[in-house]
C-alpha atoms as a PDB file:
ATOM      1  CA  MET A   1       0.091  -7.909  -4.146  1.00  0.00           C
ATOM      2  CA  ASN A   2       0.233  -8.264  -7.923  1.00  0.00           C
ATOM      3  CA  LEU A   3      -2.660  -9.756  -9.931  1.00  0.00           C
ATOM      4  CA  GLU A   4      -1.051 -13.151 -10.220  1.00  0.00           C
ATOM      5  CA  ALA A   5      -0.661 -13.179  -6.147  1.00  0.00           C
ATOM      6  CA  VAL A   6      -4.333 -11.795  -5.909  1.00  0.00           C
ATOM      7  CA  ALA A   7      -5.484 -14.852  -8.083  1.00  0.00           C
ATOM      8  CA  ALA A   8      -3.857 -17.205  -6.045  1.00  0.00           C
ATOM      9  CA  TRP A   9      -5.387 -15.917  -2.974  1.00  0.00           C
ATOM     10  CA  LEU A  10      -8.734 -16.111  -4.468  1.00  0.00           C
ATOM     11  CA  LYS A  11      -8.163 -19.643  -5.460  1.00  0.00           C
ATOM     12  CA  PHE A  12      -7.729 -20.515  -1.619  1.00  0.00           C
ATOM     13  CA  MET A  13     -10.973 -18.969  -0.684  1.00  0.00           C
ATOM     14  CA  PRO A  14     -14.061 -20.860   0.257  1.00  0.00           C
ATOM     15  CA  GLN A  15     -16.841 -20.549  -2.338  1.00  0.00           C
ATOM     16  CA  GLN A  16     -19.162 -18.407  -0.497  1.00  0.00           C
ATOM     17  CA  PHE A  17     -16.603 -15.918   0.699  1.00  0.00           C
ATOM     18  CA  ARG A  18     -15.112 -15.746  -2.825  1.00  0.00           C
ATOM     19  CA  HIS A  19     -18.473 -14.954  -4.457  1.00  0.00           C
ATOM     20  CA  PHE A  20     -18.933 -12.191  -1.817  1.00  0.00           C
ATOM     21  CA  VAL A  21     -15.629 -10.528  -2.565  1.00  0.00           C
ATOM     22  CA  GLU A  22     -16.113 -10.895  -6.396  1.00  0.00           C
ATOM     23  CA  SER A  23     -19.603  -9.155  -6.164  1.00  0.00           C
ATOM     24  CA  GLN A  24     -18.355  -6.380  -3.821  1.00  0.00           C
ATOM     25  CA  ARG A  25     -15.067  -5.620  -5.519  1.00  0.00           C
ATOM     26  CA  LYS A  26     -16.334  -3.385  -8.368  1.00  0.00           C
ATOM     27  CA  PRO A  27     -18.416  -1.036  -6.271  1.00  0.00           C
ATOM     28  CA  LEU A  28     -15.507  -0.920  -3.748  1.00  0.00           C
ATOM     29  CA  GLU A  29     -13.004   0.028  -6.185  1.00  0.00           C
ATOM     30  CA  ALA A  30     -15.311   2.680  -7.728  1.00  0.00           C
ATOM     31  CA  ALA A  31     -15.777   3.955  -4.295  1.00  0.00           C
ATOM     32  CA  LEU A  32     -11.938   4.096  -3.363  1.00  0.00           C
ATOM     33  CA  GLU A  33     -11.472   5.812  -6.708  1.00  0.00           C
ATOM     34  CA  GLU A  34     -14.148   8.628  -5.828  1.00  0.00           C
ATOM     35  CA  PHE A  35     -12.850   9.137  -2.176  1.00  0.00           C
ATOM     36  CA  LEU A  36      -9.228   9.062  -3.063  1.00  0.00           C
ATOM     37  CA  PRO A  37      -7.945  12.229  -1.572  1.00  0.00           C
ATOM     38  CA  LEU A  38      -6.150  13.814  -4.610  1.00  0.00           C
ATOM     39  CA  SER A  39      -4.906  17.406  -4.295  1.00  0.00           C
ATOM     40  CA  SER A  40      -6.115  19.901  -6.695  1.00  0.00           C
ATOM     41  CA  GLN A  41      -3.324  22.260  -6.051  1.00  0.00           C
ATOM     42  CA  PRO A  42      -0.772  23.143  -8.999  1.00  0.00           C
ATOM     43  CA  GLN A  43       2.719  21.157  -8.834  1.00  0.00           C
ATOM     44  CA  VAL A  44       1.598  18.231  -6.821  1.00  0.00           C
ATOM     45  CA  ALA A  45       1.318  15.632  -9.583  1.00  0.00           C
ATOM     46  CA  GLY A  46       3.840  13.413  -7.759  1.00  0.00           C
ATOM     47  CA  LEU A  47       1.899  13.232  -4.639  1.00  0.00           C
ATOM     48  CA  ASN A  48      -1.186  12.284  -6.431  1.00  0.00           C
ATOM     49  CA  GLU A  49       0.782   9.655  -8.390  1.00  0.00           C
ATOM     50  CA  ALA A  50       2.025   8.390  -5.068  1.00  0.00           C
ATOM     51  CA  LEU A  51      -1.566   8.090  -3.725  1.00  0.00           C
ATOM     52  CA  ARG A  52      -2.718   6.266  -6.654  1.00  0.00           C
ATOM     53  CA  TYR A  53       0.288   3.726  -6.561  1.00  0.00           C
ATOM     54  CA  ALA A  54      -0.226   3.050  -2.875  1.00  0.00           C
ATOM     55  CA  VAL A  55      -3.963   2.577  -3.202  1.00  0.00           C
ATOM     56  CA  PHE A  56      -4.494   0.937  -6.507  1.00  0.00           C
ATOM     57  CA  SER A  57      -1.951  -1.835  -6.275  1.00  0.00           C
ATOM     58  CA  ASP A  58      -4.192  -4.930  -6.773  1.00  0.00           C
ATOM     59  CA  GLY A  59      -4.434  -5.549  -3.038  1.00  0.00           C
ATOM     60  CA  LYS A  60      -6.716  -8.135  -1.764  1.00  0.00           C
ATOM     61  CA  ARG A  61      -8.932  -5.667  -0.102  1.00  0.00           C
ATOM     62  CA  TRP A  62      -9.716  -8.287   2.598  1.00  0.00           C
ATOM     63  CA  ARG A  63     -10.314  -5.569   5.494  1.00  0.00           C
ATOM     64  CA  PRO A  64     -12.928  -3.326   3.746  1.00  0.00           C
ATOM     65  CA  MET A  65     -14.731  -6.702   2.832  1.00  0.00           C
ATOM     66  CA  LEU A  66     -14.808  -7.451   6.411  1.00  0.00           C
ATOM     67  CA  THR A  67     -15.907  -3.910   7.266  1.00  0.00           C
ATOM     68  CA  ILE A  68     -18.804  -4.395   4.919  1.00  0.00           C
ATOM     69  CA  LEU A  69     -19.803  -7.839   6.246  1.00  0.00           C
ATOM     70  CA  GLY A  70     -19.548  -6.495   9.806  1.00  0.00           C
ATOM     71  CA  ALA A  71     -22.346  -3.815   8.621  1.00  0.00           C
ATOM     72  CA  LEU A  72     -24.565  -6.347   6.929  1.00  0.00           C
ATOM     73  CA  LEU A  73     -24.362  -8.417  10.011  1.00  0.00           C
ATOM     74  CA  VAL A  74     -26.378  -5.840  12.096  1.00  0.00           C
ATOM     75  CA  GLY A  75     -28.762  -4.603   9.253  1.00  0.00           C
ATOM     76  CA  GLY A  76     -26.480  -2.101   7.467  1.00  0.00           C
ATOM     77  CA  LYS A  77     -26.440  -1.784   3.653  1.00  0.00           C
ATOM     78  CA  VAL A  78     -23.473  -1.895   1.260  1.00  0.00           C
ATOM     79  CA  ARG A  79     -24.064   1.510  -0.425  1.00  0.00           C
ATOM     80  CA  SER A  80     -24.311   3.351   2.891  1.00  0.00           C
ATOM     81  CA  VAL A  81     -21.235   1.711   4.375  1.00  0.00           C
ATOM     82  CA  LEU A  82     -18.787   1.890   1.335  1.00  0.00           C
ATOM     83  CA  PRO A  83     -17.340   5.333   2.448  1.00  0.00           C
ATOM     84  CA  ILE A  84     -16.428   3.707   5.842  1.00  0.00           C
ATOM     85  CA  ALA A  85     -14.935   0.618   4.079  1.00  0.00           C
ATOM     86  CA  CYS A  86     -12.838   3.033   1.937  1.00  0.00           C
ATOM     87  CA  GLY A  87     -11.745   4.803   5.213  1.00  0.00           C
ATOM     88  CA  VAL A  88     -10.570   1.481   6.654  1.00  0.00           C
ATOM     89  CA  GLU A  89      -8.602   0.812   3.392  1.00  0.00           C
ATOM     90  CA  PHE A  90      -7.122   4.051   3.429  1.00  0.00           C
ATOM     91  CA  LEU A  91      -6.069   3.765   7.141  1.00  0.00           C
ATOM     92  CA  HIS A  92      -4.390   0.272   6.276  1.00  0.00           C
ATOM     93  CA  THR A  93      -2.571   1.526   3.261  1.00  0.00           C
ATOM     94  CA  SER A  94      -1.298   4.572   5.254  1.00  0.00           C
ATOM     95  CA  SER A  95       0.075   2.142   7.917  1.00  0.00           C
ATOM     96  CA  LEU A  96       1.766   0.114   5.180  1.00  0.00           C
ATOM     97  CA  ILE A  97       3.451   3.097   3.706  1.00  0.00           C
ATOM     98  CA  LEU A  98       4.881   4.011   7.110  1.00  0.00           C
ATOM     99  CA  ASP A  99       5.791   0.366   7.958  1.00  0.00           C
ATOM    100  CA  ASP A 100       8.097   0.204   4.746  1.00  0.00           C
ATOM    101  CA  LEU A 101       9.959   3.334   5.470  1.00  0.00           C
ATOM    102  CA  PRO A 102      13.600   3.185   6.535  1.00  0.00           C
ATOM    103  CA  ALA A 103      13.083   4.364   9.924  1.00  0.00           C
ATOM    104  CA  MET A 104      10.587   1.534  10.466  1.00  0.00           C
ATOM    105  CA  ASP A 105      10.668  -1.802   8.831  1.00  0.00           C
ATOM    106  CA  ASP A 106      12.933  -0.665   5.756  1.00  0.00           C
ATOM    107  CA  ALA A 107      10.959  -2.914   3.264  1.00  0.00           C
ATOM    108  CA  ASP A 108      11.383  -2.544  -0.349  1.00  0.00           C
ATOM    109  CA  VAL A 109       8.561  -4.621  -1.677  1.00  0.00           C
ATOM    110  CA  ARG A 110       4.984  -4.248  -0.946  1.00  0.00           C
ATOM    111  CA  ARG A 111       1.942  -6.020  -2.615  1.00  0.00           C
ATOM    112  CA  GLY A 112       4.186  -7.492  -5.224  1.00  0.00           C
ATOM    113  CA  ARG A 113       5.927  -4.300  -6.332  1.00  0.00           C
ATOM    114  CA  SER A 114       8.517  -1.605  -5.091  1.00  0.00           C
ATOM    115  CA  ALA A 115       7.514   0.040  -1.711  1.00  0.00           C
ATOM    116  CA  THR A 116       5.981   3.572  -2.421  1.00  0.00           C
ATOM    117  CA  HIS A 117       8.909   5.463  -0.879  1.00  0.00           C
ATOM    118  CA  LEU A 118      11.303   3.660  -3.245  1.00  0.00           C
ATOM    119  CA  VAL A 119       9.388   4.728  -6.232  1.00  0.00           C
ATOM    120  CA  TYR A 120       8.381   8.389  -4.944  1.00  0.00           C
ATOM    121  CA  GLY A 121      10.869   9.198  -2.274  1.00  0.00           C
ATOM    122  CA  GLU A 122      10.405   9.219   1.192  1.00  0.00           C
ATOM    123  CA  ASN A 123       9.101  12.628   1.403  1.00  0.00           C
ATOM    124  CA  LEU A 124       6.090  12.056  -0.856  1.00  0.00           C
ATOM    125  CA  ALA A 125       5.366   8.666   0.474  1.00  0.00           C
ATOM    126  CA  LEU A 126       5.160  10.263   4.155  1.00  0.00           C
ATOM    127  CA  LEU A 127       2.739  12.841   2.712  1.00  0.00           C
ATOM    128  CA  ALA A 128       0.756  10.390   0.962  1.00  0.00           C
ATOM    129  CA  SER A 129       0.499   8.290   4.176  1.00  0.00           C
ATOM    130  CA  LEU A 130      -0.591  11.331   6.173  1.00  0.00           C
ATOM    131  CA  ALA A 131      -3.244  12.295   3.464  1.00  0.00           C
ATOM    132  CA  LEU A 132      -4.853   8.725   3.474  1.00  0.00           C
ATOM    133  CA  LEU A 133      -4.975   8.846   7.261  1.00  0.00           C
ATOM    134  CA  ASN A 134      -6.513  12.341   7.224  1.00  0.00           C
ATOM    135  CA  GLN A 135      -8.807  11.286   4.505  1.00  0.00           C
ATOM    136  CA  SER A 136      -9.942   8.268   6.884  1.00  0.00           C
ATOM    137  CA  TYR A 137     -10.875  10.354   9.625  1.00  0.00           C
ATOM    138  CA  SER A 138     -12.789  12.561   7.334  1.00  0.00           C
ATOM    139  CA  LEU A 139     -14.916   9.683   5.930  1.00  0.00           C
ATOM    140  CA  PHE A 140     -15.546   8.399   9.373  1.00  0.00           C
ATOM    141  CA  ALA A 141     -16.584  11.977  10.512  1.00  0.00           C
ATOM    142  CA  ARG A 142     -19.171  11.966   7.647  1.00  0.00           C
ATOM    143  CA  ALA A 143     -21.047   8.986   9.059  1.00  0.00           C
ATOM    144  CA  PRO A 144     -24.666  10.065   9.949  1.00  0.00           C
ATOM    145  CA  HIS A 145     -25.909   9.665  13.486  1.00  0.00           C
ATOM    146  CA  CYS A 146     -22.619   8.196  14.899  1.00  0.00           C
ATOM    147  CA  ALA A 147     -19.620  10.218  13.640  1.00  0.00           C
ATOM    148  CA  ALA A 148     -18.218  11.031  17.094  1.00  0.00           C
ATOM    149  CA  ARG A 149     -18.352   7.620  18.165  1.00  0.00           C
ATOM    150  CA  LEU A 150     -16.845   6.440  14.921  1.00  0.00           C
ATOM    151  CA  VAL A 151     -13.813   8.818  15.022  1.00  0.00           C
ATOM    152  CA  GLU A 152     -13.258   8.234  18.689  1.00  0.00           C
ATOM    153  CA  GLU A 153     -13.014   4.559  18.076  1.00  0.00           C
ATOM    154  CA  ALA A 154     -10.625   4.976  15.029  1.00  0.00           C
ATOM    155  CA  ALA A 155      -8.490   7.494  17.122  1.00  0.00           C
ATOM    156  CA  ARG A 156      -8.231   4.937  19.838  1.00  0.00           C
ATOM    157  CA  CYS A 157      -7.280   1.992  17.352  1.00  0.00           C
ATOM    158  CA  VAL A 158      -4.592   4.184  15.660  1.00  0.00           C
ATOM    159  CA  GLY A 159      -3.258   5.790  18.857  1.00  0.00           C
ATOM    160  CA  THR A 160      -0.677   5.256  21.405  1.00  0.00           C
ATOM    161  CA  ASP A 161      -2.406   2.181  22.814  1.00  0.00           C
ATOM    162  CA  GLY A 162      -3.118   0.709  19.325  1.00  0.00           C
ATOM    163  CA  MET A 163      -1.146   0.869  15.967  1.00  0.00           C
ATOM    164  CA  ILE A 164       1.237   3.592  17.038  1.00  0.00           C
ATOM    165  CA  GLY A 165       1.912   2.000  20.417  1.00  0.00           C
ATOM    166  CA  GLY A 166       2.420  -1.328  18.823  1.00  0.00           C
ATOM    167  CA  GLN A 167       4.935   0.179  16.269  1.00  0.00           C
ATOM    168  CA  ALA A 168       6.835   1.792  19.183  1.00  0.00           C
ATOM    169  CA  ILE A 169       7.070  -1.576  20.858  1.00  0.00           C
ATOM    170  CA  ASP A 170       8.208  -3.094  17.788  1.00  0.00           C
ATOM    171  CA  LEU A 171      11.005  -0.664  17.404  1.00  0.00           C
ATOM    172  CA  THR A 172      12.148  -0.909  20.987  1.00  0.00           C
ATOM    173  CA  LEU A 173      12.185  -4.751  20.926  1.00  0.00           C
ATOM    174  CA  ARG A 174      14.974  -4.480  18.202  1.00  0.00           C
ATOM    175  CA  SER A 175      17.269  -2.785  20.367  1.00  0.00           C
ATOM    176  CA  GLY A 176      16.758  -4.290  23.766  1.00  0.00           C
ATOM    177  CA  GLU A 177      16.137  -7.479  25.494  1.00  0.00           C
ATOM    178  CA  GLN A 178      13.037  -9.325  24.485  1.00  0.00           C
ATOM    179  CA  GLN A 179      10.500 -11.326  26.378  1.00  0.00           C
ATOM    180  CA  SER A 180       7.734 -13.763  25.263  1.00  0.00           C
ATOM    181  CA  SER A 181       4.936 -11.541  26.702  1.00  0.00           C
ATOM    182  CA  ASP A 182       6.264  -8.593  24.319  1.00  0.00           C
ATOM    183  CA  LEU A 183       5.330 -10.566  21.478  1.00  0.00           C
ATOM    184  CA  PHE A 184       1.324 -10.069  22.535  1.00  0.00           C
ATOM    185  CA  ASN A 185       2.072  -6.165  22.986  1.00  0.00           C
ATOM    186  CA  ARG A 186       3.659  -6.031  19.539  1.00  0.00           C
ATOM    187  CA  ASN A 187       0.469  -7.155  18.183  1.00  0.00           C
ATOM    188  CA  MET A 188      -1.435  -4.166  18.877  1.00  0.00           C
ATOM    189  CA  LYS A 189      -0.370  -3.011  15.426  1.00  0.00           C
ATOM    190  CA  THR A 190      -2.545  -5.814  13.888  1.00  0.00           C
ATOM    191  CA  THR A 191      -5.190  -6.315  16.445  1.00  0.00           C
ATOM    192  CA  ALA A 192      -6.276  -2.500  16.848  1.00  0.00           C
ATOM    193  CA  LEU A 193      -6.671  -2.194  12.911  1.00  0.00           C
ATOM    194  CA  LEU A 194      -8.690  -5.499  12.727  1.00  0.00           C
ATOM    195  CA  GLN A 195     -10.892  -4.368  15.831  1.00  0.00           C
ATOM    196  CA  LEU A 196     -11.592  -1.243  13.811  1.00  0.00           C
ATOM    197  CA  THR A 197     -12.196  -2.972  10.567  1.00  0.00           C
ATOM    198  CA  MET A 198     -14.785  -5.365  12.266  1.00  0.00           C
ATOM    199  CA  THR A 199     -16.542  -2.531  14.081  1.00  0.00           C
ATOM    200  CA  ALA A 200     -16.428   0.696  11.981  1.00  0.00           C
ATOM    201  CA  GLY A 201     -19.180  -0.522   9.411  1.00  0.00           C
ATOM    202  CA  ALA A 202     -21.323  -1.960  12.117  1.00  0.00           C
ATOM    203  CA  ILE A 203     -20.963   1.327  14.343  1.00  0.00           C
ATOM    204  CA  ALA A 204     -21.928   3.199  11.006  1.00  0.00           C
ATOM    205  CA  SER A 205     -24.828   0.941  10.853  1.00  0.00           C
ATOM    206  CA  ARG A 206     -26.201   1.700  14.327  1.00  0.00           C
ATOM    207  CA  ALA A 207     -24.994  -1.559  15.978  1.00  0.00           C
ATOM    208  CA  SER A 208     -26.140  -2.241  19.613  1.00  0.00           C
ATOM    209  CA  LYS A 209     -23.274  -2.047  22.288  1.00  0.00           C
ATOM    210  CA  ALA A 210     -23.322  -5.830  22.650  1.00  0.00           C
ATOM    211  CA  ASP A 211     -23.028  -6.414  18.873  1.00  0.00           C
ATOM    212  CA  ALA A 212     -20.283  -4.026  18.453  1.00  0.00           C
ATOM    213  CA  GLU A 213     -18.298  -5.685  21.434  1.00  0.00           C
ATOM    214  CA  ALA A 214     -18.884  -9.133  19.858  1.00  0.00           C
ATOM    215  CA  LEU A 215     -17.360  -7.871  16.565  1.00  0.00           C
ATOM    216  CA  ALA A 216     -14.601  -6.185  18.417  1.00  0.00           C
ATOM    217  CA  MET A 217     -13.797  -9.361  20.178  1.00  0.00           C
ATOM    218  CA  PHE A 218     -13.688 -11.290  16.761  1.00  0.00           C
ATOM    219  CA  GLY A 219     -11.554  -8.620  15.398  1.00  0.00           C
ATOM    220  CA  GLU A 220      -9.032  -8.989  18.293  1.00  0.00           C
ATOM    221  CA  ARG A 221      -8.848 -12.776  18.013  1.00  0.00           C
ATOM    222  CA  LEU A 222      -8.577 -12.513  14.218  1.00  0.00           C
ATOM    223  CA  GLY A 223      -5.886  -9.977  14.521  1.00  0.00           C
ATOM    224  CA  MET A 224      -3.897 -11.944  17.006  1.00  0.00           C
ATOM    225  CA  ALA A 225      -4.151 -15.078  14.648  1.00  0.00           C
ATOM    226  CA  TYR A 226      -3.271 -12.960  11.801  1.00  0.00           C
ATOM    227  CA  GLN A 227       0.083 -11.758  13.342  1.00  0.00           C
ATOM    228  CA  ILE A 228       1.031 -15.300  14.356  1.00  0.00           C
ATOM    229  CA  CYS A 229       0.319 -16.393  10.844  1.00  0.00           C
ATOM    230  CA  ASP A 230       2.310 -13.391   9.309  1.00  0.00           C
ATOM    231  CA  ASP A 231       5.157 -14.402  11.595  1.00  0.00           C
ATOM    232  CA  LEU A 232       5.123 -17.846  10.084  1.00  0.00           C
ATOM    233  CA  MET A 233       4.931 -16.544   6.567  1.00  0.00           C
ATOM    234  CA  ASP A 234       7.918 -14.348   7.449  1.00  0.00           C
ATOM    235  CA  ALA A 235       9.945 -17.200   8.454  1.00  0.00           C
ATOM    236  CA  LEU A 236       8.825 -19.763   5.966  1.00  0.00           C
ATOM    237  CA  GLY A 237       7.618 -17.964   2.892  1.00  0.00           C
ATOM    238  CA  GLU A 238       9.185 -16.508  -0.250  1.00  0.00           C
ATOM    239  CA  SER A 239       8.911 -12.847  -1.123  1.00  0.00           C
ATOM    240  CA  ALA A 240       7.650 -13.581  -4.671  1.00  0.00           C
ATOM    241  CA  GLN A 241       5.026 -15.830  -2.934  1.00  0.00           C
ATOM    242  CA  LEU A 242       3.891 -13.121  -0.599  1.00  0.00           C
ATOM    243  CA  GLY A 243       4.264  -9.899  -2.457  1.00  0.00           C
ATOM    244  CA  LYS A 244       6.486  -8.439   0.376  1.00  0.00           C
ATOM    245  CA  PRO A 245       9.964  -9.125   2.049  1.00  0.00           C
ATOM    246  CA  VAL A 246      10.543 -12.217   4.160  1.00  0.00           C
ATOM    247  CA  GLY A 247      12.937 -12.793   6.689  1.00  0.00           C
ATOM    248  CA  GLN A 248      12.250  -9.389   8.289  1.00  0.00           C
ATOM    249  CA  ASP A 249      12.160 -10.507  12.003  1.00  0.00           C
ATOM    250  CA  VAL A 250      15.457 -12.398  11.475  1.00  0.00           C
ATOM    251  CA  ARG A 251      16.949  -9.228   9.829  1.00  0.00           C
ATOM    252  CA  HIS A 252      15.677  -6.896  12.651  1.00  0.00           C
ATOM    253  CA  ASN A 253      16.701  -9.466  15.433  1.00  0.00           C
ATOM    254  CA  ARG A 254      13.124  -9.488  16.499  1.00  0.00           C
ATOM    255  CA  LEU A 255      11.307 -12.166  18.451  1.00  0.00           C
ATOM    256  CA  ASN A 256       8.319 -13.824  16.739  1.00  0.00           C
ATOM    257  CA  PHE A 257       5.833 -16.582  17.367  1.00  0.00           C
ATOM    258  CA  ALA A 258       7.256 -18.899  14.745  1.00  0.00           C
ATOM    259  CA  VAL A 259      10.569 -18.868  16.539  1.00  0.00           C
ATOM    260  CA  GLU A 260       9.220 -18.826  20.118  1.00  0.00           C
ATOM    261  CA  LEU A 261       6.567 -21.536  19.751  1.00  0.00           C
ATOM    262  CA  GLY A 262       7.896 -23.290  16.618  1.00  0.00           C
ATOM    263  CA  PRO A 263       5.689 -23.679  13.445  1.00  0.00           C
ATOM    264  CA  SER A 264       3.384 -26.392  14.593  1.00  0.00           C
ATOM    265  CA  ASP A 265       2.602 -24.830  17.992  1.00  0.00           C
ATOM    266  CA  ALA A 266       2.202 -21.385  16.314  1.00  0.00           C
ATOM    267  CA  ARG A 267      -0.320 -22.503  13.969  1.00  0.00           C
ATOM    268  CA  GLN A 268      -2.363 -24.459  16.512  1.00  0.00           C
ATOM    269  CA  MET A 269      -2.436 -21.209  18.475  1.00  0.00           C
ATOM    270  CA  ALA A 270      -3.690 -19.345  15.495  1.00  0.00           C
ATOM    271  CA  MET A 271      -6.292 -21.803  14.966  1.00  0.00           C
ATOM    272  CA  ASP A 272      -7.374 -21.753  18.603  1.00  0.00           C
ATOM    273  CA  LEU A 273      -7.738 -18.025  18.356  1.00  0.00           C
ATOM    274  CA  ILE A 274      -9.876 -18.053  15.322  1.00  0.00           C
ATOM    275  CA  GLN A 275     -12.067 -20.528  16.930  1.00  0.00           C
ATOM    276  CA  GLN A 276     -12.540 -18.390  19.855  1.00  0.00           C
ATOM    277  CA  GLY A 277     -13.383 -15.527  17.446  1.00  0.00           C
ATOM    278  CA  LYS A 278     -15.934 -17.612  15.639  1.00  0.00           C
ATOM    279  CA  ASP A 279     -17.422 -18.922  18.813  1.00  0.00           C
ATOM    280  CA  THR A 280     -18.116 -15.273  19.770  1.00  0.00           C
ATOM    281  CA  LEU A 281     -19.995 -14.467  16.561  1.00  0.00           C
ATOM    282  CA  HIS A 282     -22.046 -17.660  16.574  1.00  0.00           C
ATOM    283  CA  HIS A 283     -22.986 -16.959  20.489  1.00  0.00           C
ATOM    284  CA  GLN A 284     -24.027 -13.325  19.571  1.00  0.00           C
ATOM    285  CA  PHE A 285     -25.492 -13.576  16.106  1.00  0.00           C
ATOM    286  CA  GLY A 286     -26.389 -17.091  15.608  1.00  0.00           C
ATOM    287  CA  ALA A 287     -26.421 -19.129  12.208  1.00  0.00           C
ATOM    288  CA  ARG A 288     -26.498 -15.953   9.999  1.00  0.00           C
ATOM    289  CA  HIS A 289     -25.226 -15.922   6.585  1.00  0.00           C
ATOM    290  CA  GLU A 290     -22.766 -13.151   7.280  1.00  0.00           C
ATOM    291  CA  VAL A 291     -21.464 -15.076  10.186  1.00  0.00           C
ATOM    292  CA  ALA A 292     -20.619 -18.068   7.967  1.00  0.00           C
ATOM    293  CA  LEU A 293     -18.757 -15.560   5.584  1.00  0.00           C
ATOM    294  CA  LEU A 294     -16.719 -14.127   8.321  1.00  0.00           C
ATOM    295  CA  CYS A 295     -15.857 -17.505   9.461  1.00  0.00           C
ATOM    296  CA  GLU A 296     -14.710 -18.509   5.909  1.00  0.00           C
ATOM    297  CA  ALA A 297     -12.725 -15.252   5.977  1.00  0.00           C
ATOM    298  CA  ALA A 298     -11.031 -15.930   9.247  1.00  0.00           C
ATOM    299  CA  ASP A 299     -10.214 -19.668   8.061  1.00  0.00           C
ATOM    300  CA  LEU A 300      -8.682 -18.197   5.051  1.00  0.00           C
ATOM    301  CA  VAL A 301      -5.778 -16.691   7.347  1.00  0.00           C
ATOM    302  CA  VAL A 302      -4.716 -20.074   8.410  1.00  0.00           C
ATOM    303  CA  GLN A 303      -5.209 -21.953   5.092  1.00  0.00           C
ATOM    304  CA  THR A 304      -3.013 -19.482   3.360  1.00  0.00           C
ATOM    305  CA  THR A 305      -0.331 -20.018   5.953  1.00  0.00           C
ATOM    306  CA  ALA A 306      -0.656 -23.752   5.789  1.00  0.00           C
ATOM    307  CA  SER A 307      -0.159 -23.650   1.995  1.00  0.00           C
ATOM    308  CA  VAL A 308       3.140 -21.692   2.607  1.00  0.00           C
ATOM    309  CA  ALA A 309       4.305 -24.156   5.189  1.00  0.00           C
ATOM    310  CA  VAL A 310       3.542 -27.078   2.734  1.00  0.00           C
ATOM    311  CA  ALA A 311       5.705 -25.422   0.051  1.00  0.00           C
ATOM    312  CA  ALA A 312       8.383 -24.782   2.493  1.00  0.00           C
ATOM    313  CA  GLY A 313       8.408 -28.404   3.640  1.00  0.00           C
ATOM    314  CA  ARG A 314       7.287 -27.629   7.115  1.00  0.00           C
END
């Protein structure tokens, strides 16, 4: 996403969440620079450039911000959780690089500019993705007191019943008969990462089992809503507006929520899911400031989609 798109996204933010993002962006960017897994080996300048290109692309940093908020909600500190937030962002960026490859979604634009594999080649893009994934596990493994639990949770969310399984389902759906129930299975790509996004910082901050489960439930509902809204934006948006290709589901002959339910019902389902997630947070944590910020962050998903729908006349 380019700076213009980021500025537009910030404009839609509710005031409290916008102030939080603006206050945390500088330390987060500094931490991403510190932990970026650059190689010290000779003749690997291309790999290092690909890593910088993929990570420092003026992205929204929405997920690591949520990770920080999850930690603060259970009593954690920003400084101690920044490495975990970086791990989440590296993992997310790794998944984007893989998603864009010709063998996967075959996308040519990401975050408002050419996809990493088009600039540095598929070989270096794949290596950069693996380097970021590897670094995310390394950062999770350094967490004091809970390294094993955090790495295990990350492996579960990334694995064959998480992101990898969801991507496999996505590929299968393009070549065979599709059913409505398959839409929710495809969602594993998004829901698994958002579950980890919400729980990683909290786990690193010694969250109780009940607190971690509530955050995981919020992340799951948010992830499902996010995928529905992503389907809507793919159907209704424009590439310049979103910073990535649109019409991907049609191009891949892939069923999505916008087609299956229609734009209006799909938006309503997303809003219902977000409300369920917000109710979970309020039930577990009460009227905390961090709860209000997380609710604002969740509402932003639907608000952004609504703006796209209005622009499209839908």
